[in-house]
N, C-alpha and C. Protein backbone atom coordinates (compact mmCIF):
# COMPACT_ATOMS: atom_id res chain seq x y z
N MET A 1 156.29 147.95 115.04
CA MET A 1 155.64 148.84 114.10
C MET A 1 155.40 150.19 114.78
N GLY A 2 155.60 151.28 114.07
CA GLY A 2 155.45 152.62 114.63
C GLY A 2 154.00 153.03 114.79
N LYS A 3 153.80 154.00 115.63
CA LYS A 3 152.46 154.53 115.86
C LYS A 3 152.08 155.43 114.68
N HIS A 4 150.86 155.29 114.19
CA HIS A 4 150.43 156.13 113.06
C HIS A 4 149.44 157.18 113.54
N GLU A 5 149.37 158.26 112.78
CA GLU A 5 148.44 159.34 113.08
C GLU A 5 147.12 159.05 112.35
N PRO A 6 145.98 159.26 113.01
CA PRO A 6 144.70 159.00 112.33
C PRO A 6 144.48 159.97 111.17
N ALA A 7 143.69 159.55 110.20
CA ALA A 7 143.37 160.40 109.05
C ALA A 7 142.42 161.53 109.43
N ALA A 8 141.63 161.30 110.49
CA ALA A 8 140.66 162.29 110.94
C ALA A 8 140.41 162.13 112.43
N PHE A 9 139.92 163.21 113.04
CA PHE A 9 139.69 163.24 114.48
C PHE A 9 138.23 163.52 114.81
N LYS A 10 137.76 162.94 115.92
CA LYS A 10 136.50 163.37 116.53
C LYS A 10 136.75 164.77 117.10
N GLU A 11 135.67 165.46 117.43
CA GLU A 11 135.78 166.85 117.89
C GLU A 11 136.74 167.01 119.08
N ALA A 12 136.57 166.22 120.11
CA ALA A 12 137.42 166.36 121.31
C ALA A 12 138.88 166.11 120.98
N ASN A 13 139.15 165.15 120.12
CA ASN A 13 140.53 164.85 119.75
C ASN A 13 141.11 165.93 118.84
N ALA A 14 140.28 166.51 117.97
CA ALA A 14 140.75 167.61 117.12
C ALA A 14 141.11 168.82 117.99
N ALA A 15 140.27 169.10 118.98
CA ALA A 15 140.57 170.20 119.90
C ALA A 15 141.87 169.94 120.64
N ALA A 16 142.03 168.73 121.14
CA ALA A 16 143.25 168.37 121.87
C ALA A 16 144.48 168.46 120.96
N TYR A 17 144.33 168.06 119.70
CA TYR A 17 145.43 168.13 118.73
C TYR A 17 145.95 169.56 118.59
N LEU A 18 145.02 170.53 118.71
CA LEU A 18 145.39 171.95 118.62
C LEU A 18 145.61 172.57 120.00
N ASP A 19 145.57 171.75 121.03
CA ASP A 19 145.75 172.19 122.42
C ASP A 19 144.72 173.25 122.81
N LEU A 20 143.46 172.98 122.44
CA LEU A 20 142.35 173.87 122.75
C LEU A 20 141.30 173.13 123.56
N SER A 21 140.54 173.86 124.35
CA SER A 21 139.37 173.25 125.00
C SER A 21 138.33 173.01 123.91
N VAL A 22 137.41 172.09 124.16
CA VAL A 22 136.37 171.81 123.18
C VAL A 22 135.52 173.05 122.94
N SER A 23 135.20 173.80 123.99
CA SER A 23 134.36 174.99 123.81
C SER A 23 135.07 176.05 122.95
N ARG A 24 136.35 176.24 123.17
CA ARG A 24 137.12 177.21 122.36
C ARG A 24 137.22 176.72 120.91
N PHE A 25 137.45 175.43 120.74
CA PHE A 25 137.53 174.83 119.40
C PHE A 25 136.21 175.07 118.66
N ARG A 26 135.08 174.79 119.32
CA ARG A 26 133.76 175.00 118.70
C ARG A 26 133.57 176.45 118.28
N LYS A 27 133.97 177.37 119.14
CA LYS A 27 133.82 178.80 118.84
C LYS A 27 134.65 179.17 117.61
N LEU A 28 135.87 178.68 117.53
CA LEU A 28 136.73 178.99 116.39
C LEU A 28 136.21 178.36 115.10
N VAL A 29 135.62 177.18 115.20
CA VAL A 29 135.00 176.55 114.02
C VAL A 29 133.78 177.36 113.59
N SER A 30 132.94 177.73 114.54
CA SER A 30 131.70 178.44 114.20
C SER A 30 131.95 179.82 113.60
N CYS A 31 133.04 180.47 113.99
CA CYS A 31 133.32 181.80 113.42
C CYS A 31 134.15 181.71 112.14
N GLY A 32 134.56 180.51 111.75
CA GLY A 32 135.28 180.33 110.50
C GLY A 32 136.79 180.37 110.61
N ALA A 33 137.31 180.50 111.82
CA ALA A 33 138.77 180.54 112.00
C ALA A 33 139.40 179.16 111.81
N LEU A 34 138.63 178.12 112.08
CA LEU A 34 139.09 176.74 111.89
C LEU A 34 138.16 176.05 110.90
N PRO A 35 138.66 175.03 110.21
CA PRO A 35 137.83 174.34 109.21
C PRO A 35 136.65 173.61 109.83
N ARG A 36 135.60 173.49 109.04
CA ARG A 36 134.43 172.72 109.45
C ARG A 36 134.74 171.23 109.28
N PRO A 37 134.02 170.39 109.97
CA PRO A 37 134.26 168.96 109.84
C PRO A 37 133.72 168.40 108.53
N VAL A 38 134.16 167.21 108.21
CA VAL A 38 133.65 166.46 107.07
C VAL A 38 132.57 165.53 107.61
N ARG A 39 131.43 165.50 106.94
CA ARG A 39 130.34 164.62 107.37
C ARG A 39 130.54 163.25 106.71
N LEU A 40 130.75 162.23 107.51
CA LEU A 40 130.94 160.88 106.99
C LEU A 40 129.62 160.14 106.85
N ALA A 41 128.69 160.42 107.74
CA ALA A 41 127.36 159.82 107.75
C ALA A 41 126.50 160.68 108.67
N ASP A 42 125.21 160.39 108.74
CA ASP A 42 124.35 161.14 109.64
C ASP A 42 124.89 161.05 111.06
N GLY A 43 125.17 162.21 111.64
CA GLY A 43 125.66 162.26 113.01
C GLY A 43 127.12 161.90 113.19
N VAL A 44 127.84 161.68 112.09
CA VAL A 44 129.26 161.32 112.17
C VAL A 44 130.08 162.38 111.43
N GLU A 45 130.75 163.22 112.20
CA GLU A 45 131.59 164.26 111.63
C GLU A 45 133.01 164.10 112.14
N ARG A 46 133.97 164.38 111.27
CA ARG A 46 135.38 164.29 111.64
C ARG A 46 136.14 165.45 111.02
N TRP A 47 137.21 165.84 111.70
CA TRP A 47 138.11 166.86 111.18
C TRP A 47 139.32 166.16 110.57
N ARG A 48 139.63 166.50 109.32
CA ARG A 48 140.77 165.88 108.64
C ARG A 48 142.07 166.32 109.31
N THR A 49 142.93 165.36 109.56
CA THR A 49 144.23 165.64 110.15
C THR A 49 145.01 166.61 109.26
N ASP A 50 144.96 166.42 107.96
CA ASP A 50 145.69 167.31 107.04
C ASP A 50 145.20 168.75 107.15
N ASP A 51 143.89 168.96 107.34
CA ASP A 51 143.35 170.32 107.49
C ASP A 51 143.87 170.96 108.77
N LEU A 52 143.90 170.19 109.85
CA LEU A 52 144.39 170.73 111.12
C LEU A 52 145.89 171.00 111.06
N ARG A 53 146.62 170.11 110.40
CA ARG A 53 148.06 170.31 110.25
C ARG A 53 148.35 171.57 109.42
N ALA A 54 147.52 171.82 108.40
CA ALA A 54 147.69 173.02 107.57
C ALA A 54 147.46 174.29 108.38
N ILE A 55 146.53 174.25 109.33
CA ILE A 55 146.31 175.39 110.22
C ILE A 55 147.56 175.62 111.07
N LEU A 56 148.09 174.55 111.64
CA LEU A 56 149.26 174.67 112.51
C LEU A 56 150.48 175.20 111.76
N SER A 57 150.62 174.82 110.50
CA SER A 57 151.79 175.26 109.73
C SER A 57 151.62 176.67 109.16
N GLY A 58 150.41 177.20 109.23
CA GLY A 58 150.15 178.52 108.68
C GLY A 58 149.70 178.50 107.23
N GLU A 59 149.70 177.32 106.60
CA GLU A 59 149.30 177.21 105.20
C GLU A 59 147.83 177.58 104.99
N ALA A 60 146.98 177.24 105.94
CA ALA A 60 145.54 177.45 105.78
C ALA A 60 144.99 178.46 106.78
N ALA A 61 145.85 179.13 107.50
CA ALA A 61 145.38 180.11 108.48
C ALA A 61 144.69 181.26 107.77
N ARG A 62 143.58 181.70 108.34
CA ARG A 62 142.83 182.80 107.75
C ARG A 62 143.20 184.10 108.44
N PRO A 63 143.28 185.18 107.68
CA PRO A 63 143.56 186.48 108.30
C PRO A 63 142.48 186.84 109.31
N ALA A 64 142.84 187.49 110.38
CA ALA A 64 141.90 187.85 111.44
C ALA A 64 140.75 188.70 110.94
N GLU A 65 140.97 189.49 109.89
CA GLU A 65 139.88 190.33 109.41
C GLU A 65 138.78 189.54 108.70
N ASP A 66 139.01 188.26 108.42
CA ASP A 66 138.01 187.43 107.75
C ASP A 66 136.95 186.88 108.70
N PHE A 67 137.11 187.06 110.00
CA PHE A 67 136.15 186.51 110.96
C PHE A 67 136.19 187.32 112.24
N GLU A 68 135.15 187.16 113.05
CA GLU A 68 135.11 187.83 114.35
C GLU A 68 135.08 186.79 115.44
N LEU A 69 135.90 186.98 116.47
CA LEU A 69 135.91 186.06 117.61
C LEU A 69 134.93 186.52 118.66
């Protein structure tokens, strides 16, 4: 059976998926350049794989003028 991709990632795994450090990933999320996580329960947040994939493909990338780094 083939390896499957998870539907969502924890923060560290989402950062790694985008080849970013966790601190850089957090900064990009906080300024709005990357999507916010989905809250599954109190204290449980995940980033949807589809949202991250859309960023990588350029489908969901935001113009630089929409946020400040």
